[in-house]
Amino acid sequence: MEKWKKGGRKVCILGFWIVFWQILTWLVNSKILLAGPVDVLSALLQQMSEAEFYLTALCSLLRIACGFFLAFFLGIAVGAAAYRLPLLEELLEPVVFLFKSVPVASFVVLLLIWFGPKKLTGMISFLVVFPMIYYSVLGGARETDPKMLEMARVFHMPLLQKIRHLYVPAVWPSLTAACKTALGMAWKSGVAAEVIGTPSHSIGEKLYMAKITLGTAELFAWTLVLIVLSYLFEKAVLFAVEWFGEEKPGMAGRYFLKAEDRERKQSDAKRLYLHNVKKSYGDHTVFQNLNVSMTEGQRMGIFAPSGTGKTTFLRILMGLEQTDGGVAETYGAVFSVVFQEDRLCEKLTAADNVRIVNSSISEEKIQKNLRKLLPQEAFRLPACALSGGMRRRAALVRAMTAPGDVVLLDEPFTGLDEGSKEAAIQYINRQLGGRMLIVASHDPTDFQRLGVQSLLVREKDGSWTQLNV
């Protein structure tokens, strides 16, 4: 009902302005100065009765569409390349700045001399649209959550998965906004170029002829055609852009290669070794002469107050932090991790979040693992709709089902009640197999229930010691 009311209101507003236009036409009383809606409609119907009308509209549409789509896809490709290669961005900056700053009229005259009128429309549309798309992609890529990129790096997500589920959601809002502006500019600049170049079978040519013959009604009629074509083209393009940019639950990991080609093998790592490791942030020393040794199948706990270095130690192992001295050797170990934050793709389901870090896992196995910790009704919900405890359990399932030699758990039971925590601990113990386990926790009972054999403990003087338990 509300939708009908809103539509009716728009119709009434449009009707008001048409009536106002007609009254103004009567007052002016000159068809050359101002043609009325009846005259414009008559001129439009006259044009539509001729085959030339449809050829003209189609040719202008194709020229502008070609320029727009070339700028759109090239802008995405070049913007992505510039994001990855800062030197390329620096090299392109003067060129893109010229595209953005030089008046369209200057480009029109220059390109008309170089290439003639036939290619002018598409090239002008390209020059106007390209900077908008380029800058939107470049800026959007820089807004990608660095914590999610770290997650992708640790889990060795395939490049296409990272693009689809991390970069695209970050880039698409700014790209969609840029498209809304670029679509209108493509039509305005393209038709302006046609008016100057007057290529045959173009709306610009018709507008130019209307100016010469003082055919105001024909001018308004072709302007109306432009508005309709621009509107329909914009709606179609934006629908496609928004559809592709939307995360679709249940489709993660199904766009790519066969499972056997994607499968990531575990490494041959049998040991972790840190010797005299140092790590500081400014004047604050986190580690000094840290020594840790672990072998295959061992389980170690990290026990220390919050903010004293537990997460930093895990980040050093994963290669996300560099040491200031000493040796940190992981022998090519592959890690699967529960971070302090859940780091789930918000629009994907729990099953999707498992699949994107292990594309070779079967749907049956994913569902079986999720049932251990999550209720059935949570399976179809995107991560953003899950409670904090459910999100944490989904992150645990992801870590325990991902390929790897070493499982790292950073405060893994945050937000879980006692029943959920007990179920999670039993699940970890069953799933761990012969892999190494390192768990950071402020609760000493967690270590006993997870069967750790050694503890990395922070002493009162700030030093760290590995103790057997």
Protein backbone atom coordinates (compact mmCIF):
# COMPACT_ATOMS: atom_id res chain seq x y z
CA MET A 1 0.00 0.00 0.00
CA GLU A 2 2.80 2.37 0.92
CA LYS A 3 4.53 1.63 -2.38
CA TRP A 4 1.35 2.59 -4.32
CA LYS A 5 1.05 5.83 -2.35
CA LYS A 6 4.66 6.72 -3.10
CA GLY A 7 4.19 5.95 -6.82
CA GLY A 8 1.00 7.98 -6.97
CA ARG A 9 2.73 10.93 -5.32
CA LYS A 10 5.48 10.87 -7.98
CA VAL A 11 2.90 10.77 -10.77
CA CYS A 12 1.10 13.78 -9.27
CA ILE A 13 4.36 15.73 -9.01
CA LEU A 14 5.24 14.91 -12.62
CA GLY A 15 1.74 15.93 -13.72
CA PHE A 16 2.08 19.25 -11.88
CA TRP A 17 5.26 20.16 -13.78
CA ILE A 18 3.80 19.15 -17.14
CA VAL A 19 0.81 21.41 -16.51
CA PHE A 20 3.16 24.19 -15.41
CA TRP A 21 5.21 23.68 -18.60
CA GLN A 22 2.07 23.94 -20.76
CA ILE A 23 0.91 27.12 -19.01
CA LEU A 24 4.35 28.65 -19.45
CA THR A 25 4.22 27.78 -23.17
CA TRP A 26 0.91 29.62 -23.54
CA LEU A 27 2.36 32.67 -21.79
CA VAL A 28 5.49 32.73 -23.97
CA ASN A 29 3.36 32.10 -27.06
CA SER A 30 6.32 31.25 -29.32
CA LYS A 31 7.06 27.71 -30.49
CA ILE A 32 10.62 28.74 -31.38
CA LEU A 33 11.39 30.00 -27.86
CA LEU A 34 9.50 27.30 -25.98
CA ALA A 35 7.68 24.28 -27.39
CA GLY A 36 4.91 22.86 -25.25
CA PRO A 37 4.44 19.22 -24.17
CA VAL A 38 1.83 18.62 -26.88
CA ASP A 39 4.20 19.89 -29.61
CA VAL A 40 7.08 17.82 -28.21
CA LEU A 41 4.95 14.68 -28.09
CA SER A 42 3.81 15.28 -31.67
CA ALA A 43 7.43 15.73 -32.83
CA LEU A 44 8.50 12.58 -30.96
CA LEU A 45 5.75 10.48 -32.54
CA GLN A 46 6.69 11.83 -35.95
CA GLN A 47 10.32 10.81 -35.40
CA MET A 48 9.34 7.37 -34.09
CA SER A 49 7.35 6.67 -37.24
CA GLU A 50 10.61 6.65 -39.23
CA ALA A 51 13.21 3.84 -39.29
CA GLU A 52 15.97 6.46 -39.04
CA PHE A 53 14.88 7.19 -35.46
CA TYR A 54 15.71 3.72 -34.17
CA LEU A 55 19.01 3.53 -36.07
CA THR A 56 20.05 6.91 -34.64
CA ALA A 57 19.14 5.96 -31.07
CA LEU A 58 20.90 2.58 -31.38
CA CYS A 59 24.09 4.05 -32.84
CA SER A 60 24.39 6.66 -30.09
CA LEU A 61 23.67 4.04 -27.45
CA LEU A 62 26.36 1.69 -28.81
CA ARG A 63 28.99 4.43 -29.08
CA ILE A 64 28.46 5.64 -25.52
CA ALA A 65 28.12 2.10 -24.13
CA CYS A 66 31.40 1.03 -25.77
CA GLY A 67 33.23 4.00 -24.27
CA PHE A 68 31.69 3.43 -20.85
CA PHE A 69 32.35 -0.30 -20.67
CA LEU A 70 35.91 0.06 -21.94
CA ALA A 71 36.55 2.65 -19.22
CA PHE A 72 34.76 0.52 -16.62
CA PHE A 73 36.70 -2.70 -17.16
CA LEU A 74 40.03 -1.03 -17.89
CA GLY A 75 39.57 1.25 -14.87
CA ILE A 76 39.03 -1.78 -12.63
CA ALA A 77 42.04 -3.63 -14.07
CA VAL A 78 44.40 -0.64 -13.98
CA GLY A 79 43.16 0.46 -10.53
CA ALA A 80 43.78 -3.03 -9.14
CA ALA A 81 47.24 -3.14 -10.74
CA ALA A 82 48.10 0.30 -9.34
CA TYR A 83 47.03 -0.87 -5.87
CA ARG A 84 49.43 -3.80 -6.09
CA LEU A 85 52.25 -1.83 -7.78
CA PRO A 86 52.81 1.61 -6.21
CA LEU A 87 55.31 2.50 -8.95
CA LEU A 88 52.58 2.02 -11.56
CA GLU A 89 50.30 4.34 -9.61
CA GLU A 90 52.98 7.02 -9.61
CA LEU A 91 53.57 6.61 -13.35
CA LEU A 92 49.84 6.85 -14.11
CA GLU A 93 49.06 9.76 -11.82
CA PRO A 94 49.91 12.56 -14.33
CA VAL A 95 47.95 10.83 -17.11
CA VAL A 96 44.84 10.22 -15.00
CA PHE A 97 45.07 13.77 -13.66
CA LEU A 98 45.03 15.09 -17.23
CA PHE A 99 41.99 12.94 -18.08
CA LYS A 100 40.22 14.37 -15.04
CA SER A 101 41.26 18.01 -15.36
CA VAL A 102 41.45 18.93 -19.06
CA PRO A 103 38.11 20.38 -20.30
CA VAL A 104 36.04 17.99 -22.40
CA ALA A 105 35.85 20.57 -25.19
CA SER A 106 39.64 20.51 -25.54
CA PHE A 107 39.65 16.73 -25.88
CA VAL A 108 36.76 16.86 -28.36
CA VAL A 109 38.57 19.25 -30.72
CA LEU A 110 41.87 17.35 -30.45
CA LEU A 111 40.35 13.89 -30.98
CA LEU A 112 38.19 15.22 -33.82
CA ILE A 113 41.37 16.30 -35.61
CA TRP A 114 43.18 13.02 -34.89
CA PHE A 115 40.47 10.41 -35.40
CA GLY A 116 37.48 12.05 -37.07
CA PRO A 117 33.85 12.09 -35.89
CA LYS A 118 33.04 8.35 -35.97
CA LYS A 119 35.24 7.36 -32.99
CA LEU A 120 34.84 10.61 -31.12
CA THR A 121 31.80 9.75 -28.98
CA GLY A 122 33.18 6.54 -27.48
CA MET A 123 36.60 8.04 -26.84
CA ILE A 124 35.18 11.07 -25.02
CA SER A 125 32.95 8.84 -22.88
CA PHE A 126 36.02 6.73 -22.07
CA LEU A 127 38.14 9.73 -21.06
CA VAL A 128 35.42 11.08 -18.77
CA VAL A 129 34.56 7.76 -17.09
CA PHE A 130 38.01 6.18 -16.68
CA PRO A 131 39.34 8.44 -13.86
CA MET A 132 36.16 7.92 -11.81
CA ILE A 133 36.38 4.13 -12.01
CA TYR A 134 40.15 4.08 -11.53
CA TYR A 135 40.11 6.19 -8.36
CA SER A 136 37.11 4.34 -6.90
CA VAL A 137 38.87 0.97 -7.29
CA LEU A 138 42.17 2.28 -5.97
CA GLY A 139 40.54 3.90 -2.94
CA GLY A 140 38.22 0.96 -2.26
CA ALA A 141 41.06 -1.58 -2.37
CA ARG A 142 42.90 0.44 0.26
CA GLU A 143 39.84 0.16 2.52
CA THR A 144 40.04 -3.65 2.57
CA ASP A 145 40.21 -4.79 6.20
CA PRO A 146 43.91 -5.53 6.93
CA LYS A 147 42.91 -8.09 9.56
CA MET A 148 40.94 -10.04 6.98
CA LEU A 149 43.91 -9.89 4.63
CA GLU A 150 46.07 -11.33 7.41
CA MET A 151 43.54 -14.12 7.87
CA ALA A 152 43.68 -14.87 4.14
CA ARG A 153 47.47 -14.89 4.20
CA VAL A 154 47.69 -17.28 7.15
CA PHE A 155 45.11 -19.67 5.68
CA HIS A 156 46.69 -19.41 2.21
CA MET A 157 43.41 -18.45 0.57
CA PRO A 158 43.56 -18.71 -3.25
CA LEU A 159 43.91 -15.37 -5.02
CA LEU A 160 40.50 -15.59 -6.68
CA GLN A 161 38.87 -16.29 -3.31
CA LYS A 162 40.60 -13.24 -1.79
CA ILE A 163 39.47 -11.05 -4.66
CA ARG A 164 35.87 -12.28 -4.55
CA HIS A 165 35.33 -12.33 -0.78
CA LEU A 166 37.70 -9.65 0.57
CA TYR A 167 38.55 -7.09 -2.11
CA VAL A 168 35.25 -7.01 -4.00
CA PRO A 169 33.11 -6.25 -0.88
CA ALA A 170 35.55 -3.45 0.01
CA VAL A 171 35.72 -1.95 -3.49
CA TRP A 172 32.12 -2.33 -4.66
CA PRO A 173 30.41 0.38 -2.57
CA SER A 174 32.75 3.08 -3.89
CA LEU A 175 32.66 1.58 -7.38
CA THR A 176 28.85 1.59 -7.39
CA ALA A 177 28.77 5.22 -6.26
CA ALA A 178 31.29 6.14 -8.97
CA CYS A 179 29.19 4.34 -11.58
CA LYS A 180 26.12 6.39 -10.71
CA THR A 181 28.02 9.57 -11.47
CA ALA A 182 29.99 8.15 -14.40
CA LEU A 183 26.90 6.88 -16.23
CA GLY A 184 25.35 10.34 -16.36
CA MET A 185 28.65 11.94 -17.35
CA ALA A 186 29.19 9.38 -20.12
CA TRP A 187 25.91 10.37 -21.75
CA LYS A 188 26.37 14.11 -21.29
CA SER A 189 29.92 14.17 -22.62
CA GLY A 190 29.20 11.63 -25.37
CA VAL A 191 26.25 13.56 -26.79
CA ALA A 192 28.16 16.85 -26.48
CA ALA A 193 30.91 15.27 -28.60
CA GLU A 194 28.29 14.17 -31.13
CA VAL A 195 26.92 17.70 -31.35
CA ILE A 196 30.39 19.01 -32.19
CA GLY A 197 31.52 16.14 -34.41
CA THR A 198 28.05 15.44 -35.90
CA PRO A 199 28.73 11.82 -36.90
CA SER A 200 26.00 10.35 -39.08
CA HIS A 201 23.17 8.47 -37.36
CA SER A 202 23.69 10.13 -33.98
CA ILE A 203 21.47 11.96 -31.52
CA GLY A 204 24.03 14.76 -31.43
CA GLU A 205 23.59 15.25 -35.17
CA LYS A 206 19.80 15.50 -34.68
CA LEU A 207 20.25 18.09 -31.93
CA TYR A 208 22.58 20.10 -34.14
CA MET A 209 20.09 20.03 -37.02
CA ALA A 210 17.30 21.11 -34.65
CA LYS A 211 19.44 24.10 -33.68
CA ILE A 212 20.01 25.08 -37.34
CA THR A 213 16.32 24.79 -38.27
CA LEU A 214 15.12 26.35 -34.99
CA GLY A 215 13.12 23.16 -34.36
CA THR A 216 12.62 23.55 -30.62
CA ALA A 217 10.03 20.76 -30.49
CA GLU A 218 12.43 18.35 -32.21
CA LEU A 219 15.20 19.47 -29.83
CA PHE A 220 13.02 18.70 -26.81
CA ALA A 221 11.89 15.40 -28.35
CA TRP A 222 15.44 14.13 -28.85
CA THR A 223 16.37 15.37 -25.38
CA LEU A 224 13.51 13.27 -24.01
CA VAL A 225 14.86 10.28 -25.93
CA LEU A 226 18.27 10.89 -24.37
CA ILE A 227 16.78 10.99 -20.87
CA VAL A 228 14.93 7.70 -21.41
CA LEU A 229 17.95 5.92 -22.93
CA SER A 230 20.25 7.21 -20.20
CA TYR A 231 17.80 6.13 -17.49
CA LEU A 232 17.35 2.60 -18.87
CA PHE A 233 21.07 2.17 -19.49
CA GLU A 234 21.88 3.36 -15.96
CA LYS A 235 19.33 1.01 -14.38
CA ALA A 236 20.64 -1.99 -16.34
CA VAL A 237 24.30 -1.29 -15.55
CA LEU A 238 23.72 -0.58 -11.85
CA PHE A 239 21.61 -3.72 -11.50
CA ALA A 240 24.45 -5.81 -12.96
CA VAL A 241 27.11 -4.06 -10.85
CA GLU A 242 25.15 -4.43 -7.60
CA TRP A 243 24.26 -8.07 -8.39
CA PHE A 244 27.87 -9.05 -8.97
CA GLY A 245 29.16 -7.14 -5.94
CA GLU A 246 26.63 -8.73 -3.58
CA GLU A 247 27.95 -11.61 -1.48
CA LYS A 248 25.83 -14.68 -2.13
CA PRO A 249 25.67 -17.11 0.82
CA GLY A 250 26.20 -20.71 -0.23
CA MET A 251 28.35 -19.92 -3.28
CA ALA A 252 31.77 -19.41 -1.66
CA GLY A 253 34.49 -21.53 -3.20
CA ARG A 254 32.37 -22.78 -6.09
CA TYR A 255 33.57 -20.45 -8.82
CA PHE A 256 37.03 -21.84 -9.34
CA LEU A 257 38.99 -24.99 -10.22
CA LYS A 258 38.27 -28.59 -9.38
CA ALA A 259 38.87 -29.57 -5.76
CA GLU A 260 41.90 -31.73 -6.52
CA ASP A 261 43.58 -28.78 -8.26
CA ARG A 262 42.89 -26.46 -5.32
CA GLU A 263 43.87 -28.73 -2.47
CA ARG A 264 46.63 -27.34 -0.31
CA LYS A 265 48.95 -30.02 1.06
CA GLN A 266 50.36 -29.95 4.54
CA SER A 267 54.07 -29.28 4.82
CA ASP A 268 56.68 -31.61 6.28
CA ALA A 269 57.25 -29.36 9.30
CA LYS A 270 57.93 -31.36 12.45
CA ARG A 271 59.33 -28.64 14.71
CA LEU A 272 59.07 -25.02 15.84
CA TYR A 273 62.20 -23.34 17.18
CA LEU A 274 62.74 -19.86 18.62
CA HIS A 275 66.12 -18.84 20.02
CA ASN A 276 67.01 -15.55 21.73
CA VAL A 277 64.07 -13.80 20.07
CA LYS A 278 63.71 -10.08 20.75
CA LYS A 279 60.69 -7.91 20.04
CA SER A 280 60.01 -4.30 21.01
CA TYR A 281 57.51 -1.58 20.15
CA GLY A 282 59.36 1.69 20.66
CA ASP A 283 60.64 1.73 24.22
CA HIS A 284 58.40 -1.15 25.27
CA THR A 285 60.15 -4.54 25.24
CA VAL A 286 57.79 -7.46 24.68
CA PHE A 287 60.34 -10.29 24.41
CA GLN A 288 63.99 -10.46 25.38
CA ASN A 289 65.99 -13.67 24.82
CA LEU A 290 62.84 -15.76 24.26
CA ASN A 291 63.53 -19.47 23.73
CA VAL A 292 60.84 -21.96 22.67
CA SER A 293 61.04 -25.44 21.17
CA MET A 294 58.18 -27.70 20.06
CA THR A 295 58.04 -30.94 18.12
CA GLU A 296 55.31 -32.81 16.25
CA GLY A 297 52.22 -33.61 18.31
CA GLN A 298 53.11 -31.39 21.26
CA ARG A 299 50.63 -29.02 22.90
CA MET A 300 51.72 -25.78 24.54
CA GLY A 301 49.85 -23.10 26.46
CA ILE A 302 50.72 -19.41 26.76
CA PHE A 303 49.81 -17.99 30.14
CA ALA A 304 50.14 -14.27 30.82
CA PRO A 305 47.99 -11.24 31.60
CA SER A 306 46.25 -9.50 28.73
CA GLY A 307 48.41 -7.11 26.72
CA THR A 308 51.75 -8.65 27.64
CA GLY A 309 52.69 -10.41 24.41
CA LYS A 310 50.63 -13.57 23.87
CA THR A 311 49.21 -12.40 20.56
CA THR A 312 52.56 -10.95 19.47
CA PHE A 313 54.19 -14.36 19.98
CA LEU A 314 51.57 -16.02 17.78
CA ARG A 315 51.94 -13.33 15.12
CA ILE A 316 55.69 -13.91 15.02
CA LEU A 317 55.10 -17.62 14.41
CA MET A 318 52.65 -16.83 11.58
CA GLY A 319 55.08 -14.39 9.97
CA LEU A 320 52.78 -11.39 10.57
CA GLU A 321 55.37 -9.71 12.81
CA GLN A 322 59.13 -9.51 12.35
CA THR A 323 61.49 -10.04 15.27
CA ASP A 324 64.11 -7.47 16.28
CA GLY A 325 66.69 -10.19 16.82
CA GLY A 326 67.22 -13.90 17.33
CA VAL A 327 65.97 -16.86 15.31
CA ALA A 328 62.33 -17.83 14.72
CA GLU A 329 62.24 -20.96 12.57
CA THR A 330 58.97 -22.66 11.69
CA TYR A 331 60.41 -24.95 8.97
CA GLY A 332 57.64 -24.08 6.51
CA ALA A 333 54.83 -24.99 8.89
CA VAL A 334 51.26 -24.35 7.71
CA PHE A 335 49.12 -22.73 10.41
CA SER A 336 45.39 -22.78 11.05
CA VAL A 337 44.27 -20.13 13.47
CA VAL A 338 41.55 -18.77 15.72
CA PHE A 339 42.46 -15.09 16.03
CA GLN A 340 41.49 -12.88 18.93
CA GLU A 341 38.78 -11.51 16.62
CA ASP A 342 36.57 -13.94 14.71
CA ARG A 343 37.64 -12.55 11.30
CA LEU A 344 34.72 -14.05 9.41
CA CYS A 345 33.44 -12.80 6.06
CA GLU A 346 30.32 -11.06 7.30
CA LYS A 347 27.97 -11.80 4.37
CA LEU A 348 28.94 -15.48 4.08
CA THR A 349 27.48 -18.34 6.10
CA ALA A 350 29.50 -20.36 8.58
CA ALA A 351 29.86 -23.11 5.96
CA ASP A 352 31.08 -20.57 3.40
CA ASN A 353 33.69 -19.28 5.85
CA VAL A 354 34.99 -22.83 6.27
CA ARG A 355 34.99 -23.48 2.53
CA ILE A 356 36.98 -20.39 1.52
CA VAL A 357 40.03 -21.58 3.50
CA ASN A 358 39.70 -25.21 2.40
CA SER A 359 38.03 -25.52 -0.99
CA SER A 360 38.71 -29.25 -1.18
CA ILE A 361 36.55 -30.10 1.83
CA SER A 362 33.24 -31.76 1.04
CA GLU A 363 29.91 -30.16 1.89
CA GLU A 364 29.02 -33.22 3.98
CA LYS A 365 32.15 -32.83 6.09
CA ILE A 366 31.54 -29.12 6.60
CA GLN A 367 27.99 -29.75 7.82
CA LYS A 368 29.15 -32.59 10.07
CA ASN A 369 31.74 -30.37 11.76
CA LEU A 370 29.38 -27.43 12.17
CA ARG A 371 26.79 -29.65 13.86
CA LYS A 372 29.29 -30.34 16.63
CA LEU A 373 29.18 -26.72 17.77
CA LEU A 374 26.34 -24.83 16.06
CA PRO A 375 22.55 -25.31 15.98
CA GLN A 376 21.04 -26.28 12.63
CA GLU A 377 19.16 -22.99 12.26
CA ALA A 378 22.46 -21.06 12.23
CA PHE A 379 23.80 -22.83 9.13
CA ARG A 380 21.96 -20.69 6.58
CA LEU A 381 22.52 -17.35 8.31
CA PRO A 382 25.29 -14.95 7.23
CA ALA A 383 28.00 -14.43 9.83
CA CYS A 384 26.76 -10.89 10.53
CA ALA A 385 23.46 -12.36 11.79
CA LEU A 386 25.09 -14.82 14.23
CA SER A 387 25.52 -14.14 17.93
CA GLY A 388 28.99 -13.54 19.32
CA GLY A 389 29.21 -17.08 20.69
CA MET A 390 28.08 -18.63 17.40
CA ARG A 391 30.64 -16.59 15.48
CA ARG A 392 33.37 -17.81 17.81
CA ARG A 393 32.34 -21.42 17.34
CA ALA A 394 32.26 -20.96 13.55
CA ALA A 395 35.82 -19.60 13.72
CA LEU A 396 36.84 -22.69 15.73
CA VAL A 397 35.36 -25.04 13.14
CA ARG A 398 37.18 -23.14 10.38
CA ALA A 399 40.52 -23.46 12.17
CA MET A 400 40.11 -27.14 13.04
CA THR A 401 39.04 -28.21 9.53
CA ALA A 402 41.64 -26.16 7.62
CA PRO A 403 44.79 -27.99 6.44
CA GLY A 404 47.82 -27.30 8.60
CA ASP A 405 50.58 -28.63 10.80
CA VAL A 406 50.08 -26.24 13.72
CA VAL A 407 46.84 -25.02 15.28
CA LEU A 408 47.05 -21.62 17.00
CA LEU A 409 44.23 -20.58 19.33
CA ASP A 410 44.24 -17.02 20.68
CA GLU A 411 41.74 -16.78 23.55
CA PRO A 412 39.52 -19.25 21.66
CA PHE A 413 36.67 -19.44 24.18
CA THR A 414 35.88 -15.72 24.43
CA GLY A 415 32.12 -15.20 24.62
CA LEU A 416 31.26 -18.87 25.23
CA ASP A 417 29.19 -20.07 28.16
CA GLU A 418 30.43 -23.08 30.12
CA GLY A 419 28.39 -25.63 28.14
CA SER A 420 29.53 -24.28 24.77
CA LYS A 421 33.10 -24.06 26.04
CA GLU A 422 33.11 -27.70 27.13
CA ALA A 423 31.72 -28.79 23.75
CA ALA A 424 34.39 -26.69 21.98
CA ILE A 425 37.20 -28.23 24.05
CA GLN A 426 36.00 -31.76 23.30
CA TYR A 427 35.75 -30.88 19.62
CA ILE A 428 39.31 -29.50 19.54
CA ASN A 429 40.70 -32.58 21.27
CA ARG A 430 38.97 -34.88 18.76
CA GLN A 431 39.95 -32.87 15.69
CA LEU A 432 43.54 -32.07 16.58
CA GLY A 433 45.03 -35.44 15.62
CA GLY A 434 48.82 -35.33 15.62
CA ARG A 435 49.10 -31.62 14.93
CA MET A 436 50.94 -29.23 17.22
CA LEU A 437 48.71 -26.97 19.32
CA ILE A 438 49.52 -23.59 20.85
CA VAL A 439 46.75 -21.97 22.86
CA ALA A 440 46.87 -18.55 24.50
CA SER A 441 44.52 -18.11 27.44
CA HIS A 442 44.10 -16.22 30.70
CA ASP A 443 42.29 -19.22 32.24
CA PRO A 444 44.75 -21.88 33.51
CA THR A 445 42.06 -24.58 33.56
CA ASP A 446 41.90 -24.40 29.74
CA PHE A 447 45.41 -25.82 29.50
CA GLN A 448 44.59 -28.86 31.60
CA ARG A 449 41.40 -29.61 29.67
CA LEU A 450 43.27 -29.29 26.36
CA GLY A 451 46.08 -31.56 27.56
CA VAL A 452 48.98 -29.14 27.11
CA GLN A 453 52.43 -30.56 27.94
CA SER A 454 54.29 -27.26 28.39
CA LEU A 455 53.53 -23.68 29.33
CA LEU A 456 55.09 -20.46 28.09
CA VAL A 457 54.83 -18.24 31.17
CA ARG A 458 55.61 -14.57 31.66
CA GLU A 459 57.58 -14.04 34.86
CA LYS A 460 57.27 -11.03 37.16
CA ASP A 461 60.47 -9.48 35.78
CA GLY A 462 59.02 -9.56 32.25
CA SER A 463 61.00 -12.55 31.01
CA TRP A 464 59.36 -15.60 29.40
CA THR A 465 60.04 -19.23 30.33
CA GLN A 466 58.87 -22.49 28.76
CA LEU A 467 57.96 -24.97 31.51
CA ASN A 468 56.98 -28.64 31.27
CA VAL A 469 53.74 -29.59 33.02
